[in-house]
């Protein structure tokens, strides 16, 4: 039961990036988003990704895959409106 709850949370949590992506698009500006922060988080996610793929923990693996997809969209949107 704990793994199922963790797996659901692992899929849902990265979806909280969507409001940020939409807000940037609506304002047509990403000036309030630090490029240093965005690339720092993105690089950390990329560096953790091989470990996540090698892990037997399905929650960690799922979270990493979904999070890297959605945070990549944040980085793209930030650069697009910069």
C-alpha atoms as a PDB file:
ATOM      1  CA  UNK A   1       0.000   0.000   0.000  1.00  0.00           C
ATOM      2  CA  UNK A   2       2.853   2.385   0.838  1.00  0.00           C
ATOM      3  CA  UNK A   3       4.498   1.752  -2.546  1.00  0.00           C
ATOM      4  CA  UNK A   4       1.236   2.412  -4.381  1.00  0.00           C
ATOM      5  CA  UNK A   5       0.745   5.731  -2.554  1.00  0.00           C
ATOM      6  CA  UNK A   6       4.380   6.632  -3.251  1.00  0.00           C
ATOM      7  CA  UNK A   7       3.989   5.732  -6.928  1.00  0.00           C
ATOM      8  CA  UNK A   8       0.861   7.878  -7.264  1.00  0.00           C
ATOM      9  CA  UNK A   9       2.632  10.795  -5.589  1.00  0.00           C
ATOM     10  CA  UNK A  10       5.690  10.258  -7.813  1.00  0.00           C
ATOM     11  CA  UNK A  11       3.530  10.705 -10.898  1.00  0.00           C
ATOM     12  CA  UNK A  12       1.419  13.598  -9.566  1.00  0.00           C
ATOM     13  CA  UNK A  13       4.140  15.758  -7.978  1.00  0.00           C
ATOM     14  CA  UNK A  14       5.910  16.814 -11.205  1.00  0.00           C
ATOM     15  CA  UNK A  15       2.547  17.986 -12.584  1.00  0.00           C
ATOM     16  CA  UNK A  16       2.920  20.993 -10.246  1.00  0.00           C
ATOM     17  CA  UNK A  17       5.315  22.337 -12.877  1.00  0.00           C
ATOM     18  CA  UNK A  18       2.361  22.888 -15.234  1.00  0.00           C
ATOM     19  CA  UNK A  19       1.076  26.069 -13.507  1.00  0.00           C
ATOM     20  CA  UNK A  20       4.576  27.561 -13.799  1.00  0.00           C
ATOM     21  CA  UNK A  21       4.762  26.695 -17.497  1.00  0.00           C
ATOM     22  CA  UNK A  22       1.308  28.189 -18.112  1.00  0.00           C
ATOM     23  CA  UNK A  23       2.072  31.324 -16.078  1.00  0.00           C
ATOM     24  CA  UNK A  24       5.212  31.989 -18.120  1.00  0.00           C
ATOM     25  CA  UNK A  25       3.246  31.548 -21.359  1.00  0.00           C
ATOM     26  CA  UNK A  26       0.401  33.829 -20.235  1.00  0.00           C
ATOM     27  CA  UNK A  27       2.766  36.620 -19.212  1.00  0.00           C
ATOM     28  CA  UNK A  28       5.104  35.945 -22.135  1.00  0.00           C
ATOM     29  CA  UNK A  29       7.961  36.505 -19.727  1.00  0.00           C
ATOM     30  CA  UNK A  30      10.240  34.400 -17.577  1.00  0.00           C
ATOM     31  CA  UNK A  31      12.153  37.290 -16.026  1.00  0.00           C
ATOM     32  CA  UNK A  32      11.153  36.194 -12.504  1.00  0.00           C
ATOM     33  CA  UNK A  33      12.701  32.751 -13.051  1.00  0.00           C
ATOM     34  CA  UNK A  34      16.418  32.591 -12.368  1.00  0.00           C
ATOM     35  CA  UNK A  35      18.299  30.883 -15.188  1.00  0.00           C
ATOM     36  CA  UNK A  36      20.906  29.849 -12.618  1.00  0.00           C
ATOM     37  CA  UNK A  37      18.179  28.115 -10.578  1.00  0.00           C
ATOM     38  CA  UNK A  38      16.491  26.508 -13.602  1.00  0.00           C
ATOM     39  CA  UNK A  39      19.739  25.117 -15.014  1.00  0.00           C
ATOM     40  CA  UNK A  40      20.972  24.116 -11.551  1.00  0.00           C
ATOM     41  CA  UNK A  41      17.877  22.006 -10.916  1.00  0.00           C
ATOM     42  CA  UNK A  42      17.948  20.632 -14.466  1.00  0.00           C
ATOM     43  CA  UNK A  43      21.614  19.586 -14.242  1.00  0.00           C
ATOM     44  CA  UNK A  44      20.978  17.875 -10.902  1.00  0.00           C
ATOM     45  CA  UNK A  45      18.035  15.977 -12.415  1.00  0.00           C
ATOM     46  CA  UNK A  46      20.180  14.903 -15.381  1.00  0.00           C
ATOM     47  CA  UNK A  47      22.977  13.756 -13.060  1.00  0.00           C
ATOM     48  CA  UNK A  48      20.516  11.745 -10.914  1.00  0.00           C
ATOM     49  CA  UNK A  49      18.777  10.189 -13.927  1.00  0.00           C
ATOM     50  CA  UNK A  50      21.221   7.284 -14.544  1.00  0.00           C
ATOM     51  CA  UNK A  51      20.963   6.302 -10.883  1.00  0.00           C
ATOM     52  CA  UNK A  52      17.173   6.400 -11.098  1.00  0.00           C
ATOM     53  CA  UNK A  53      17.145   4.195 -14.182  1.00  0.00           C
ATOM     54  CA  UNK A  54      19.466   1.673 -12.503  1.00  0.00           C
ATOM     55  CA  UNK A  55      17.425   1.653  -9.295  1.00  0.00           C
ATOM     56  CA  UNK A  56      15.040  -1.172  -8.476  1.00  0.00           C
ATOM     57  CA  UNK A  57      12.851   1.316  -6.598  1.00  0.00           C
ATOM     58  CA  UNK A  58       9.909   1.918  -8.916  1.00  0.00           C
ATOM     59  CA  UNK A  59       8.866   5.076  -7.052  1.00  0.00           C
ATOM     60  CA  UNK A  60      12.278   6.742  -7.492  1.00  0.00           C
ATOM     61  CA  UNK A  61      12.507   5.607 -11.110  1.00  0.00           C
ATOM     62  CA  UNK A  62       8.991   6.814 -11.987  1.00  0.00           C
ATOM     63  CA  UNK A  63       9.422  10.134 -10.208  1.00  0.00           C
ATOM     64  CA  UNK A  64      12.717  10.795 -11.972  1.00  0.00           C
ATOM     65  CA  UNK A  65      11.316  10.040 -15.417  1.00  0.00           C
ATOM     66  CA  UNK A  66       8.170  12.131 -15.003  1.00  0.00           C
ATOM     67  CA  UNK A  67      10.039  14.957 -13.262  1.00  0.00           C
ATOM     68  CA  UNK A  68      12.730  15.216 -15.924  1.00  0.00           C
ATOM     69  CA  UNK A  69      10.040  15.442 -18.616  1.00  0.00           C
ATOM     70  CA  UNK A  70       8.094  18.216 -16.892  1.00  0.00           C
ATOM     71  CA  UNK A  71      11.115  20.155 -15.667  1.00  0.00           C
ATOM     72  CA  UNK A  72      12.559  20.026 -19.184  1.00  0.00           C
ATOM     73  CA  UNK A  73       9.389  21.836 -20.261  1.00  0.00           C
ATOM     74  CA  UNK A  74       9.983  24.446 -17.541  1.00  0.00           C
ATOM     75  CA  UNK A  75      13.535  25.030 -18.792  1.00  0.00           C
ATOM     76  CA  UNK A  76      12.389  25.220 -22.424  1.00  0.00           C
ATOM     77  CA  UNK A  77       9.619  27.666 -21.532  1.00  0.00           C
ATOM     78  CA  UNK A  78      12.011  29.768 -19.445  1.00  0.00           C
ATOM     79  CA  UNK A  79      14.481  30.003 -22.323  1.00  0.00           C
ATOM     80  CA  UNK A  80      11.745  30.601 -24.869  1.00  0.00           C
ATOM     81  CA  UNK A  81      10.442  33.688 -23.065  1.00  0.00           C
ATOM     82  CA  UNK A  82      13.821  35.031 -21.932  1.00  0.00           C
END
